[in-house]
N, C-alpha and C. Protein backbone atom coordinates (compact mmCIF):
# COMPACT_ATOMS: atom_id res chain seq x y z
N MET A 1 157.20 109.17 128.73
CA MET A 1 158.02 108.22 127.29
C MET A 1 157.58 106.82 127.83
N VAL A 2 157.37 106.24 127.20
CA VAL A 2 156.74 104.56 127.47
C VAL A 2 158.22 103.43 126.67
N GLN A 3 158.85 103.04 127.69
CA GLN A 3 159.81 101.82 127.29
C GLN A 3 159.37 101.00 126.67
N GLN A 4 159.56 100.07 125.80
CA GLN A 4 158.86 98.74 125.34
C GLN A 4 160.00 97.62 125.36
N TYR A 5 159.46 96.37 125.62
CA TYR A 5 160.89 95.64 125.88
C TYR A 5 160.31 94.70 125.02
N GLY A 6 161.28 94.33 123.78
CA GLY A 6 160.93 93.36 123.15
C GLY A 6 160.07 94.07 121.71
N ASP A 7 159.91 93.68 120.51
CA ASP A 7 158.85 93.94 119.11
C ASP A 7 158.02 94.13 119.16
N THR A 8 157.24 93.04 120.27
CA THR A 8 155.94 93.64 120.33
C THR A 8 155.44 93.92 121.61
N ALA A 9 154.20 94.16 121.64
CA ALA A 9 153.24 95.05 121.90
C ALA A 9 152.53 94.07 123.08
N THR A 10 152.38 94.59 124.03
CA THR A 10 151.77 93.95 125.48
C THR A 10 150.10 93.83 124.94
N GLN A 11 149.86 92.62 124.75
CA GLN A 11 148.05 92.08 124.12
C GLN A 11 147.46 91.51 125.67
N PRO A 12 146.28 92.18 125.89
CA PRO A 12 145.32 91.61 126.69
C PRO A 12 145.13 90.15 127.09
N VAL A 13 144.57 89.18 127.81
CA VAL A 13 145.11 87.86 127.81
C VAL A 13 143.73 87.11 128.40
N THR A 14 142.58 86.70 127.55
CA THR A 14 141.52 86.43 127.66
C THR A 14 141.54 85.27 128.52
N ALA A 15 141.28 84.69 129.72
CA ALA A 15 141.00 83.38 130.24
C ALA A 15 140.23 82.24 130.06
N THR A 16 140.31 81.19 129.79
CA THR A 16 139.09 80.18 129.05
C THR A 16 138.75 79.36 130.48
N MET A 17 137.46 78.85 130.84
CA MET A 17 136.99 78.44 131.70
C MET A 17 136.85 77.11 131.12
N VAL A 18 137.10 76.05 132.35
CA VAL A 18 136.64 74.62 132.19
C VAL A 18 136.31 74.53 132.77
N PRO A 19 134.79 73.65 132.55
CA PRO A 19 133.93 73.28 132.84
C PRO A 19 133.35 72.14 133.90
N ASP A 20 132.90 72.25 135.02
CA ASP A 20 133.26 71.36 135.45
C ASP A 20 132.66 70.27 135.48
N ASP A 21 132.75 69.04 135.91
CA ASP A 21 132.10 67.70 135.79
C ASP A 21 130.70 67.71 136.23
N ASP A 22 130.59 68.44 137.31
CA ASP A 22 129.00 68.04 137.98
C ASP A 22 128.50 68.75 137.09
N THR A 23 128.86 70.26 136.18
CA THR A 23 127.77 70.98 135.87
C THR A 23 127.27 70.19 134.54
N THR A 24 128.41 69.58 134.10
CA THR A 24 128.39 68.76 132.83
C THR A 24 126.92 67.44 132.76
N SER A 25 127.35 66.89 134.14
CA SER A 25 126.42 65.67 134.54
C SER A 25 125.02 66.01 134.63
N THR A 26 124.79 67.60 135.12
CA THR A 26 123.61 67.69 135.42
C THR A 26 123.11 68.34 134.23
N GLN A 27 123.83 68.68 132.85
CA GLN A 27 123.60 69.09 131.86
C GLN A 27 122.85 68.17 130.92
N ARG A 28 123.31 67.28 131.39
CA ARG A 28 123.04 65.92 130.47
C ARG A 28 121.62 65.41 130.83
N TYR A 29 121.41 64.77 131.86
CA TYR A 29 120.41 64.97 132.95
C TYR A 29 119.27 65.83 132.58
N GLU A 30 119.21 66.90 132.48
CA GLU A 30 118.59 67.58 131.72
C GLU A 30 117.64 67.50 130.43
N GLU A 31 118.79 67.46 130.07
CA GLU A 31 118.64 66.82 128.06
C GLU A 31 117.78 65.84 128.06
N ALA A 32 118.27 64.65 129.17
CA ALA A 32 117.74 63.48 128.93
C ALA A 32 116.22 63.23 129.36
N ARG A 33 116.05 64.40 130.79
CA ARG A 33 114.86 64.08 131.16
C ARG A 33 113.43 64.94 130.71
N ALA A 34 114.05 65.70 129.56
CA ALA A 34 113.10 66.43 128.50
C ALA A 34 113.27 65.63 127.61
N ALA A 35 113.97 65.25 127.02
CA ALA A 35 113.98 64.24 125.57
C ALA A 35 112.70 62.69 126.16
N ALA A 36 113.09 62.40 127.52
CA ALA A 36 111.94 61.25 128.13
C ALA A 36 110.91 62.02 127.84
N HIS A 37 110.32 63.34 128.69
CA HIS A 37 109.25 63.74 128.37
C HIS A 37 108.24 64.23 127.33
N ARG A 38 109.41 64.13 126.57
CA ARG A 38 108.60 64.95 124.96
C ARG A 38 108.53 63.12 124.31
N ALA A 39 108.86 62.57 124.84
CA ALA A 39 108.35 60.79 124.22
C ALA A 39 107.31 59.83 124.89
N MET A 40 106.77 60.29 126.39
CA MET A 40 105.66 60.20 127.01
C MET A 40 104.86 61.03 126.50
N THR A 41 105.14 62.12 125.87
CA THR A 41 103.79 63.30 125.30
C THR A 41 103.57 62.54 124.02
N ASN A 42 104.27 62.48 123.54
CA ASN A 42 103.95 61.61 122.17
C ASN A 42 102.82 60.17 122.10
N VAL A 43 103.01 59.65 123.07
CA VAL A 43 102.66 58.42 123.06
C VAL A 43 101.11 58.65 123.56
N THR A 44 100.42 57.56 122.78
CA THR A 44 99.06 57.49 122.41
C THR A 44 98.54 56.28 123.15
N ILE A 45 97.87 56.36 124.29
CA ILE A 45 97.05 55.21 124.76
C ILE A 45 95.81 54.97 123.88
N ILE A 46 95.28 53.83 123.21
CA ILE A 46 94.38 53.39 122.80
C ILE A 46 94.04 52.12 124.03
N PRO A 47 92.32 52.69 124.22
CA PRO A 47 91.91 51.66 125.27
C PRO A 47 91.42 50.43 124.67
N ASP A 48 91.28 49.46 125.62
CA ASP A 48 90.83 47.95 124.91
C ASP A 48 89.22 48.21 124.39
N GLN A 49 89.44 47.81 123.06
CA GLN A 49 87.98 47.94 122.67
C GLN A 49 87.04 46.48 123.01
N PRO A 50 86.10 46.34 123.37
CA PRO A 50 85.53 44.82 123.46
C PRO A 50 85.26 44.02 121.68
N PRO A 51 85.24 43.07 121.47
CA PRO A 51 85.20 42.02 120.54
C PRO A 51 84.42 42.46 120.02
N SER A 52 83.84 42.87 118.79
CA SER A 52 82.63 42.75 117.87
C SER A 52 81.64 41.57 117.81
N PRO A 53 80.64 41.48 117.92
CA PRO A 53 79.92 40.45 117.80
C PRO A 53 80.17 39.63 116.39
N ASP A 54 80.44 40.19 115.41
CA ASP A 54 80.81 39.39 114.10
C ASP A 54 82.51 39.39 113.89
N GLN A 55 82.67 39.59 114.83
CA GLN A 55 84.04 39.30 114.90
C GLN A 55 84.56 37.76 115.66
N PRO A 56 85.10 37.00 114.89
CA PRO A 56 85.54 35.47 115.92
C PRO A 56 86.53 35.71 116.87
N PRO A 57 86.25 35.12 117.67
CA PRO A 57 87.16 35.46 119.28
C PRO A 57 88.46 34.83 118.77
N VAL A 58 89.89 35.95 119.29
CA VAL A 58 91.17 35.07 118.74
C VAL A 58 91.56 34.26 119.77
N GLU A 59 91.85 33.09 118.96
CA GLU A 59 92.11 31.62 119.80
C GLU A 59 93.74 32.25 120.16
N PRO A 60 94.18 31.84 121.57
CA PRO A 60 95.29 31.75 122.09
C PRO A 60 96.25 31.59 121.34
N ASP A 61 97.55 31.73 121.51
CA ASP A 61 98.40 31.14 120.72
C ASP A 61 98.88 29.61 121.52
N VAL A 62 98.94 28.16 121.11
CA VAL A 62 99.47 26.88 121.83
C VAL A 62 100.31 26.87 120.77
N ASP A 63 101.40 26.12 122.45
CA ASP A 63 102.21 25.38 121.76
C ASP A 63 101.93 24.50 121.00
N PRO A 64 103.09 24.32 119.83
CA PRO A 64 102.84 22.91 119.19
C PRO A 64 103.06 21.88 119.39
N GLU A 65 104.00 21.93 120.24
CA GLU A 65 104.08 20.63 121.30
C GLU A 65 103.08 20.10 121.75
N LEU A 66 102.18 20.89 122.11
CA LEU A 66 101.25 20.41 123.13
C LEU A 66 99.90 19.40 122.70
N LEU A 67 99.83 20.18 120.92
CA LEU A 67 99.08 19.53 120.13
C LEU A 67 98.78 18.51 119.87
N ALA A 68 99.87 17.22 120.61
CA ALA A 68 99.68 15.95 119.79
C ALA A 68 99.38 15.66 121.53
N TYR A 69 98.91 16.02 122.30
CA TYR A 69 98.15 15.92 123.50
C TYR A 69 97.36 16.24 123.95
N ARG A 70 96.52 16.90 122.75
CA ARG A 70 94.95 16.95 122.93
C ARG A 70 93.99 16.01 122.21
N GLY A 71 92.92 16.11 121.92
CA GLY A 71 92.04 15.69 121.44
C GLY A 71 91.70 14.66 122.34
N PHE A 72 90.88 13.54 121.54
CA PHE A 72 90.47 12.53 122.23
C PHE A 72 91.64 11.13 122.37
N LYS A 73 91.45 10.55 123.87
CA LYS A 73 92.55 9.66 124.07
C LYS A 73 91.54 8.49 124.30
N PHE A 74 91.97 7.16 124.13
CA PHE A 74 91.64 6.08 123.78
C PHE A 74 91.53 5.41 125.35
N GLY A 75 92.81 5.59 125.82
CA GLY A 75 92.76 4.87 127.23
C GLY A 75 92.01 6.24 128.52
N ALA A 76 92.07 7.26 128.17
CA ALA A 76 91.66 7.92 129.00
C ALA A 76 89.75 7.50 129.03
N ALA A 77 88.82 7.92 127.79
CA ALA A 77 88.02 7.12 127.87
C ALA A 77 87.77 6.05 128.27
N PHE A 78 88.24 4.91 128.22
CA PHE A 78 88.29 3.41 128.51
C PHE A 78 87.83 3.41 130.01
N PHE A 79 89.33 3.69 130.52
CA PHE A 79 89.12 3.87 131.71
C PHE A 79 88.31 4.82 132.54
N GLY A 80 87.84 5.52 131.80
CA GLY A 80 86.80 6.47 132.49
C GLY A 80 85.43 5.51 132.50
N TRP A 81 85.37 4.50 131.55
CA TRP A 81 83.74 4.03 131.25
C TRP A 81 83.92 2.65 132.34
N LEU A 82 85.19 2.27 132.78
CA LEU A 82 85.66 1.29 133.47
C LEU A 82 85.24 2.06 134.86
N ILE A 83 85.20 3.05 135.33
CA ILE A 83 84.73 3.88 136.55
C ILE A 83 83.42 3.88 136.63
N ALA A 84 83.06 3.86 135.64
CA ALA A 84 81.38 4.43 135.11
C ALA A 84 80.42 3.12 135.40
N MET A 85 81.02 2.23 134.73
CA MET A 85 80.44 0.73 135.61
C MET A 85 80.80 0.10 136.93
N ALA A 86 81.88 0.49 137.47
CA ALA A 86 82.12 -0.08 138.72
C ALA A 86 81.27 1.09 139.32
N MET A 87 81.02 2.11 139.22
CA MET A 87 80.19 3.72 140.34
C MET A 87 78.94 2.60 140.23
N THR A 88 78.43 2.28 139.05
CA THR A 88 77.37 1.61 138.85
C THR A 88 76.53 0.49 139.67
N VAL A 89 77.35 -0.35 139.74
CA VAL A 89 77.70 -1.27 140.39
C VAL A 89 77.40 -0.62 142.59
N VAL A 90 78.20 -0.20 142.22
CA VAL A 90 78.52 0.22 143.74
C VAL A 90 77.34 0.89 144.14
N LEU A 91 77.18 1.97 143.54
CA LEU A 91 75.46 2.89 143.74
C LEU A 91 74.37 2.01 143.58
N SER A 92 74.29 1.06 142.98
CA SER A 92 73.13 -0.05 142.54
C SER A 92 72.85 -0.33 144.40
N LEU A 93 74.03 -0.92 144.37
CA LEU A 93 74.19 -1.93 145.80
C LEU A 93 73.66 -0.62 147.36
N ALA A 94 74.20 0.26 147.27
CA ALA A 94 74.20 1.32 148.28
C ALA A 94 72.48 1.83 147.81
N VAL A 95 71.63 2.01 146.94
CA VAL A 95 70.45 2.52 146.80
C VAL A 95 69.50 1.31 146.92
N ALA A 96 69.81 -0.32 146.81
CA ALA A 96 69.33 -1.05 147.08
C ALA A 96 69.09 -1.82 148.49
N ALA A 97 70.26 -1.16 149.83
CA ALA A 97 69.97 -1.75 150.45
C ALA A 97 69.77 -0.17 151.19
N ALA A 98 69.77 0.67 150.83
CA ALA A 98 69.11 2.36 151.38
C ALA A 98 67.38 1.64 151.37
N ALA A 99 67.01 1.00 149.86
CA ALA A 99 65.44 0.91 149.81
C ALA A 99 64.78 -0.25 150.90
N LEU A 100 65.81 -1.36 151.12
CA LEU A 100 65.24 -2.60 151.64
C LEU A 100 65.36 -1.99 153.16
N GLY A 101 66.11 -1.17 153.86
CA GLY A 101 66.31 -0.76 155.34
C GLY A 101 64.99 0.23 155.21
N THR A 102 64.45 0.93 154.15
CA THR A 102 63.30 2.20 153.99
C THR A 102 61.92 1.52 154.36
N ALA A 103 62.01 0.55 153.33
CA ALA A 103 61.20 -0.78 153.42
C ALA A 103 60.33 -0.98 154.84
N GLU A 104 61.71 -1.66 155.43
CA GLU A 104 61.63 -2.51 156.70
C GLU A 104 60.83 -1.51 157.72
N ILE A 105 61.41 0.09 157.73
CA ILE A 105 61.28 0.79 158.68
C ILE A 105 59.58 1.32 158.20
N LEU A 106 59.42 1.12 157.09
CA LEU A 106 57.74 1.97 156.94
C LEU A 106 56.85 0.99 156.78
N ASP A 107 57.54 -0.23 156.60
CA ASP A 107 56.85 -1.66 156.99
C ASP A 107 56.04 -1.50 155.16
N TYR A 108 56.77 -1.25 154.03
CA TYR A 108 56.18 -1.16 152.89
C TYR A 108 56.77 -2.73 152.17
N SER A 109 55.46 -3.09 152.22
CA SER A 109 55.11 -4.60 151.43
C SER A 109 55.20 -4.28 149.50
N ARG A 110 55.52 -5.73 149.27
CA ARG A 110 55.03 -6.28 147.11
C ARG A 110 53.67 -5.49 147.03
N ALA A 111 52.87 -6.11 148.21
CA ALA A 111 51.61 -5.84 147.87
C ALA A 111 50.69 -4.38 147.96
N ASP A 112 52.06 -3.60 148.75
CA ASP A 112 51.84 -2.02 148.83
C ASP A 112 52.22 -1.43 147.16
N ALA A 113 52.88 -2.06 146.79
CA ALA A 113 53.82 -1.73 145.10
C ALA A 113 52.97 -2.01 144.58
N GLU A 114 52.24 -3.52 143.84
CA GLU A 114 51.75 -3.66 143.64
C GLU A 114 49.69 -3.22 143.66
N ALA A 115 50.03 -2.44 144.61
CA ALA A 115 48.41 -2.02 144.91
C ALA A 115 48.63 -0.67 144.21
N GLN A 116 49.98 0.26 143.98
CA GLN A 116 50.10 1.40 143.01
C GLN A 116 51.41 1.31 142.87
N PRO A 117 50.59 0.85 141.44
CA PRO A 117 52.21 0.52 140.28
C PRO A 117 52.86 1.45 139.95
N GLY A 118 51.89 2.64 138.98
CA GLY A 118 52.71 3.46 138.38
C GLY A 118 53.45 4.27 139.32
N ALA A 119 52.64 4.61 140.71
CA ALA A 119 54.14 5.45 141.71
C ALA A 119 55.42 4.57 141.65
N ALA A 120 54.95 3.27 141.82
CA ALA A 120 56.33 2.34 142.09
C ALA A 120 57.65 2.15 141.33
N GLY A 121 56.77 2.17 139.61
CA GLY A 121 57.80 1.99 138.51
C GLY A 121 58.31 3.89 138.32
N ILE A 122 57.78 4.58 138.76
CA ILE A 122 58.30 5.73 138.46
C ILE A 122 59.42 6.20 139.52
N THR A 123 58.74 5.80 140.66
CA THR A 123 60.16 5.96 141.76
C THR A 123 61.39 5.19 141.09
N ALA A 124 61.36 3.95 140.77
CA ALA A 124 62.49 3.06 140.58
C ALA A 124 63.33 3.70 139.51
N ALA A 125 62.60 3.97 138.18
CA ALA A 125 62.79 4.28 137.16
C ALA A 125 63.61 5.77 137.68
N THR A 126 63.11 6.28 138.48
CA THR A 126 63.97 7.59 138.42
C THR A 126 65.17 7.86 139.54
N ILE A 127 65.26 6.50 140.19
CA ILE A 127 66.44 6.21 140.83
C ILE A 127 67.24 5.45 140.04
N ALA A 128 66.94 4.61 139.10
CA ALA A 128 67.88 4.30 137.69
C ALA A 128 68.86 4.97 137.46
N VAL A 129 67.77 6.17 136.89
CA VAL A 129 68.24 6.79 135.97
C VAL A 129 69.37 8.28 137.01
N LEU A 130 69.31 8.46 138.10
CA LEU A 130 69.56 9.37 138.77
C LEU A 130 70.95 8.45 139.46
N THR A 131 71.01 7.02 139.29
CA THR A 131 72.18 6.15 139.59
C THR A 131 73.04 6.10 138.19
N LEU A 132 72.40 5.97 137.24
CA LEU A 132 73.67 6.22 136.16
C LEU A 132 73.96 6.94 135.61
N THR A 133 73.51 8.20 136.00
CA THR A 133 73.84 9.63 135.83
C THR A 133 75.14 9.91 136.77
N LEU A 134 75.13 9.69 137.86
CA LEU A 134 76.30 9.64 138.83
C LEU A 134 77.32 9.30 138.27
N ALA A 135 77.00 7.89 137.81
CA ALA A 135 78.12 7.08 137.17
C ALA A 135 78.32 7.58 136.60
N PHE A 136 77.92 8.39 135.95
CA PHE A 136 78.72 8.61 134.63
C PHE A 136 79.21 9.69 134.76
N TYR A 137 78.97 10.23 135.64
CA TYR A 137 79.57 11.75 136.21
C TYR A 137 81.32 11.37 136.81
N SER A 138 81.41 10.62 137.14
CA SER A 138 82.03 9.78 138.10
C SER A 138 83.35 9.67 136.99
N GLY A 139 82.58 8.67 135.94
CA GLY A 139 83.54 8.26 135.09
C GLY A 139 83.99 9.18 133.76
N GLY A 140 83.27 10.20 133.61
CA GLY A 140 83.86 11.22 132.78
C GLY A 140 84.76 12.22 133.35
N TYR A 141 84.73 12.43 135.08
CA TYR A 141 85.52 13.19 135.71
C TYR A 141 86.87 12.65 135.86
N VAL A 142 86.77 11.07 135.93
CA VAL A 142 88.22 10.18 135.61
C VAL A 142 88.74 10.44 134.43
N ALA A 143 87.94 10.59 132.95
CA ALA A 143 88.64 10.68 131.59
C ALA A 143 88.94 11.66 131.72
N GLY A 144 88.41 12.90 131.97
CA GLY A 144 89.09 14.22 131.94
C GLY A 144 90.33 14.40 132.94
N ARG A 145 90.59 14.11 133.89
CA ARG A 145 92.05 13.35 134.67
C ARG A 145 93.18 13.34 133.70
N LEU A 146 92.58 11.89 133.09
CA LEU A 146 93.69 11.27 132.91
C LEU A 146 94.09 11.91 131.38
N ALA A 147 93.49 12.34 130.92
CA ALA A 147 92.91 13.08 129.52
C ALA A 147 94.11 14.36 129.43
N ARG A 148 94.01 15.01 130.98
CA ARG A 148 94.70 16.35 130.61
C ARG A 148 94.21 17.07 129.94
N PHE A 149 93.93 17.27 128.82
CA PHE A 149 93.60 18.03 128.12
C PHE A 149 91.87 17.50 127.46
N ASP A 150 91.14 18.70 127.02
CA ASP A 150 89.53 18.07 126.46
C ASP A 150 89.05 17.10 126.92
N GLY A 151 88.84 17.62 128.23
CA GLY A 151 87.88 16.77 129.06
C GLY A 151 86.42 16.43 128.57
N GLY A 152 85.99 17.80 128.15
CA GLY A 152 84.80 17.43 127.74
C GLY A 152 84.60 16.53 126.71
N ARG A 153 85.75 16.38 125.61
CA ARG A 153 85.44 15.61 124.48
C ARG A 153 85.70 14.32 124.82
N ASN A 154 86.50 13.90 126.15
CA ASN A 154 87.01 12.47 126.37
C ASN A 154 86.12 11.57 127.32
N GLY A 155 85.16 13.18 128.20
CA GLY A 155 84.00 12.50 128.41
C GLY A 155 82.86 12.11 127.90
N PHE A 156 82.78 12.60 126.57
CA PHE A 156 81.58 12.47 125.64
C PHE A 156 82.24 11.17 125.29
N GLY A 157 83.56 10.39 125.36
CA GLY A 157 84.24 9.06 124.77
C GLY A 157 83.53 8.22 125.44
N VAL A 158 83.62 8.30 126.97
CA VAL A 158 82.81 7.29 128.50
C VAL A 158 81.19 7.48 127.58
N TRP A 159 80.87 8.05 127.54
CA TRP A 159 79.35 7.74 126.96
C TRP A 159 79.48 7.11 125.49
N MET A 160 80.14 6.92 125.37
CA MET A 160 80.25 6.21 124.01
C MET A 160 80.93 5.22 123.60
N PHE A 161 81.49 4.96 124.82
CA PHE A 161 81.72 3.15 124.97
C PHE A 161 80.82 2.70 125.35
N ALA A 162 80.02 3.64 126.75
CA ALA A 162 78.89 2.82 127.27
C ALA A 162 77.78 2.34 126.48
N PHE A 163 77.57 3.76 125.73
CA PHE A 163 76.68 2.74 124.34
C PHE A 163 76.76 2.38 123.79
N LEU A 164 77.64 1.88 122.69
CA LEU A 164 78.58 0.80 121.48
C LEU A 164 78.53 -0.59 122.74
N PHE A 165 78.80 -0.63 123.86
CA PHE A 165 79.08 -1.77 124.31
C PHE A 165 77.18 -2.12 124.91
N SER A 166 76.73 -1.01 125.05
CA SER A 166 74.82 -1.45 125.48
C SER A 166 74.54 -1.84 124.03
N VAL A 167 74.97 -1.32 122.72
CA VAL A 167 74.41 -2.21 122.00
C VAL A 167 75.02 -3.23 120.84
N LEU A 168 76.28 -3.44 121.65
CA LEU A 168 76.93 -4.78 121.30
C LEU A 168 76.16 -5.79 122.19
N ALA A 169 75.92 -5.87 123.61
CA ALA A 169 75.17 -6.72 124.31
C ALA A 169 73.89 -6.53 123.85
N ALA A 170 73.24 -6.19 122.98
CA ALA A 170 71.59 -6.13 123.26
C ALA A 170 71.83 -6.87 121.68
N GLY A 171 72.93 -6.74 121.13
CA GLY A 171 72.74 -8.07 119.72
C GLY A 171 73.23 -9.01 120.25
N VAL A 172 74.03 -9.14 121.17
CA VAL A 172 74.75 -10.60 121.11
C VAL A 172 72.62 -11.43 122.05
N GLY A 173 72.19 -10.59 122.70
CA GLY A 173 71.03 -11.21 123.57
C GLY A 173 70.30 -11.25 122.84
N ALA A 174 70.16 -10.41 121.37
CA ALA A 174 68.68 -10.75 120.63
C ALA A 174 69.16 -12.43 119.88
N LEU A 175 70.54 -12.66 119.11
CA LEU A 175 71.04 -13.54 118.65
C LEU A 175 70.64 -14.38 119.45
N LEU A 176 71.44 -14.22 120.66
CA LEU A 176 71.03 -16.00 121.87
C LEU A 176 69.46 -15.68 121.79
N ASN A 177 68.79 -15.26 121.93
CA ASN A 177 67.08 -15.05 122.36
C ASN A 177 66.89 -16.21 120.97
N ASN A 178 67.24 -15.40 119.61
CA ASN A 178 66.75 -16.11 118.37
C ASN A 178 67.47 -17.92 118.78
N GLN A 179 67.80 -18.33 119.18
CA GLN A 179 69.00 -19.42 119.16
C GLN A 179 67.99 -20.23 120.07
N TYR A 180 68.01 -20.00 121.10
CA TYR A 180 67.44 -20.94 122.23
C TYR A 180 65.81 -20.24 123.10
N ASP A 181 65.25 -18.74 122.27
CA ASP A 181 64.48 -18.84 123.17
C ASP A 181 64.82 -18.56 124.91
N LEU A 182 65.46 -17.54 124.84
CA LEU A 182 65.22 -17.42 126.36
C LEU A 182 64.60 -16.39 127.00
N THR A 183 63.83 -15.27 126.64
CA THR A 183 62.76 -14.93 127.09
C THR A 183 61.82 -15.60 127.76
N ASP A 184 61.16 -16.46 126.88
CA ASP A 184 60.22 -17.20 127.74
C ASP A 184 60.27 -18.27 128.83
N GLU A 185 62.39 -18.19 128.89
CA GLU A 185 62.08 -19.09 130.27
C GLU A 185 62.58 -17.61 131.36
N VAL A 186 62.05 -16.23 131.31
CA VAL A 186 62.31 -15.83 132.51
C VAL A 186 61.10 -15.57 133.06
N SER A 187 60.55 -15.24 134.48
CA SER A 187 58.95 -14.83 135.10
C SER A 187 59.28 -13.97 135.37
N ARG A 188 58.73 -13.04 134.52
CA ARG A 188 58.14 -11.53 134.40
C ARG A 188 57.13 -11.41 135.69
N PRO A 189 57.72 -10.34 136.52
CA PRO A 189 56.50 -10.06 137.43
C PRO A 189 55.17 -9.62 136.78
N ASP A 190 53.68 -10.00 137.11
CA ASP A 190 52.60 -9.60 136.93
C ASP A 190 52.19 -8.01 137.46
N VAL A 191 52.16 -6.78 136.55
CA VAL A 191 52.37 -5.55 136.86
C VAL A 191 50.61 -5.10 136.33
N ALA A 192 50.28 -4.46 137.12
CA ALA A 192 49.12 -4.34 136.64
C ALA A 192 49.04 -2.75 136.15
N LEU A 193 49.67 -3.16 134.72
CA LEU A 193 49.64 -1.36 133.99
C LEU A 193 49.59 -1.96 132.88
N SER A 194 48.60 -1.26 131.57
CA SER A 194 49.24 -1.30 130.22
C SER A 194 50.04 -1.30 129.61
N THR A 195 50.41 -2.58 128.64
CA THR A 195 50.82 -2.41 127.90
C THR A 195 51.44 -1.06 127.40
N ASP A 196 50.48 -0.15 126.47
CA ASP A 196 50.99 1.05 126.17
C ASP A 196 51.37 2.18 127.16
N THR A 197 51.14 1.78 128.68
CA THR A 197 51.38 3.01 129.71
C THR A 197 52.92 2.14 129.56
N VAL A 198 53.49 0.68 129.83
CA VAL A 198 54.77 0.50 130.06
C VAL A 198 55.57 0.66 129.14
N THR A 199 54.97 0.66 127.66
CA THR A 199 56.05 1.09 126.92
C THR A 199 55.83 2.74 126.71
N THR A 200 55.64 3.43 127.20
CA THR A 200 55.57 4.90 126.92
C THR A 200 56.82 5.29 127.74
N GLY A 201 56.62 4.42 129.49
CA GLY A 201 57.23 5.01 129.97
C GLY A 201 58.46 4.06 130.00
N GLY A 202 58.55 3.12 129.47
CA GLY A 202 60.19 2.68 128.96
C GLY A 202 60.84 3.27 127.98
N ILE A 203 59.97 4.66 126.84
CA ILE A 203 61.05 5.30 126.14
C ILE A 203 61.17 6.56 126.54
N VAL A 204 59.98 6.87 127.56
CA VAL A 204 60.73 8.30 128.38
C VAL A 204 61.71 8.15 129.45
N ALA A 205 62.03 6.90 129.80
CA ALA A 205 63.04 6.74 131.24
C ALA A 205 64.30 6.59 130.26
N THR A 206 63.96 5.52 129.14
CA THR A 206 65.99 5.78 128.14
C THR A 206 65.92 7.22 127.74
N ALA A 207 64.98 7.81 127.10
CA ALA A 207 65.68 9.02 126.32
C ALA A 207 66.15 9.55 127.41
N ALA A 208 65.72 9.56 128.98
CA ALA A 208 65.79 10.88 129.57
C ALA A 208 67.46 10.05 130.29
N LEU A 209 67.67 8.53 130.57
CA LEU A 209 68.71 8.45 130.81
C LEU A 209 69.58 8.74 129.52
N LEU A 210 69.60 8.34 128.22
CA LEU A 210 70.54 8.68 127.47
C LEU A 210 70.77 10.27 127.22
N VAL A 211 69.79 11.13 127.43
CA VAL A 211 70.66 12.70 127.61
C VAL A 211 71.07 12.70 128.85
N LEU A 212 71.09 12.49 129.60
CA LEU A 212 71.42 12.44 131.15
C LEU A 212 72.92 11.98 131.39
N THR A 213 72.54 11.38 130.87
CA THR A 213 74.11 10.24 130.86
C THR A 213 74.96 10.76 130.35
N LEU A 214 74.63 11.52 128.56
CA LEU A 214 75.56 12.39 128.33
C LEU A 214 76.04 13.51 128.50
N LEU A 215 74.74 14.71 129.04
CA LEU A 215 75.68 15.10 129.53
C LEU A 215 76.54 16.01 130.34
N PHE A 216 76.13 14.44 131.53
CA PHE A 216 76.54 14.90 132.84
C PHE A 216 78.52 13.90 132.50
N SER A 217 78.46 12.99 131.47
CA SER A 217 79.48 12.64 131.28
C SER A 217 80.58 13.78 130.51
N ILE A 218 79.59 14.58 130.03
CA ILE A 218 80.89 15.84 129.51
C ILE A 218 81.29 16.28 130.48
N VAL A 219 80.39 16.95 131.34
CA VAL A 219 79.88 18.20 132.88
C VAL A 219 81.51 17.33 133.58
N GLY A 220 81.48 15.94 133.67
CA GLY A 220 81.91 15.49 134.25
C GLY A 220 84.00 15.34 134.18
N GLY A 221 83.99 15.46 132.40
CA GLY A 221 85.10 16.06 131.96
C GLY A 221 85.62 17.07 132.20
N LYS A 222 84.53 18.16 131.41
CA LYS A 222 85.08 19.34 132.36
C LYS A 222 85.73 19.23 133.53
N ALA A 223 84.98 19.17 134.42
CA ALA A 223 85.66 18.89 135.83
C ALA A 223 86.92 18.43 136.04
N GLY A 224 86.88 17.65 135.29
CA GLY A 224 88.35 16.46 135.33
C GLY A 224 89.17 17.53 134.96
N ARG A 225 89.66 18.15 133.67
CA ARG A 225 90.06 18.94 133.40
C ARG A 225 90.85 20.16 134.21
N ARG A 226 89.57 20.67 135.05
CA ARG A 226 89.88 21.98 135.37
C ARG A 226 90.90 21.83 137.14
N TYR A 227 91.36 20.86 137.20
CA TYR A 227 91.67 20.49 138.26
C TYR A 227 93.83 20.72 137.47
N HIS A 228 93.70 20.23 136.12
CA HIS A 228 95.01 21.19 135.92
C HIS A 228 94.77 22.68 135.15
N ASP A 229 93.82 23.05 135.08
CA ASP A 229 94.00 24.12 134.60
C ASP A 229 94.53 25.30 135.68
N LYS A 230 94.22 24.86 137.28
CA LYS A 230 94.10 25.54 138.39
C LYS A 230 95.85 25.33 138.73
N ILE A 231 96.90 24.35 138.35
CA ILE A 231 97.73 23.93 138.16
C ILE A 231 98.51 25.26 137.20
N ASP A 232 97.99 25.02 136.13
CA ASP A 232 98.55 26.15 134.93
C ASP A 232 98.42 27.17 135.59
N ARG A 233 97.34 27.83 135.91
CA ARG A 233 97.23 29.05 136.51
C ARG A 233 98.07 29.35 137.55
N LEU A 234 98.52 28.05 138.39
CA LEU A 234 99.43 28.56 138.97
C LEU A 234 101.13 28.39 139.32
N LEU A 235 101.54 28.22 137.77
CA LEU A 235 102.72 27.94 137.28
C LEU A 235 102.65 29.00 136.81
N ASP A 236 101.54 29.74 136.06
CA ASP A 236 102.23 30.63 135.29
C ASP A 236 102.25 31.29 136.31
């Protein structure tokens, strides 16, 4: 006979397990890891495509505040022209001194030059063109350094200043010659060359001078800007 205490029969008791904190953290870590793996699996990497020849190059974004400093700068081009003129004088004096020293060493006299007027004329024209080319490269370089941006454009400004001042000087000279007939008072050397030869040589030398000084002014301006580009790359 079973004796019961109370009205309710004894029922079995089920124990409830409380999850441990380390187990929960590990489960969350595994879930986050699985989610990250699924996300990385769905990522599609598109390789860089070379630009199409028909597609125009994409210009880099430029700060609008920097646009005010770009373009042609009158001051940079003007002072570059002054440097070009100063370098012309300095280089001309150096070349003249070197020519006199060479003539003394080689015992080269005026009679020798008159005996070969073509060679003497070509040599003198070549040296003059090279001297002015180096001078305009220096002027373009200074303009590019001063302008900070658009060195080639400001180098072209150096050449344009020289061209405009040359045209102005030629106009003033022609006006004075009409008034006072100055060319008749100049004692020109007697060169044993025909007029056609001298004219052709003058045209060729002038064309070479214009083209080379223009080219080297622009190259010098770009070289002057390259100094600032190096600083920008270091700052980036």
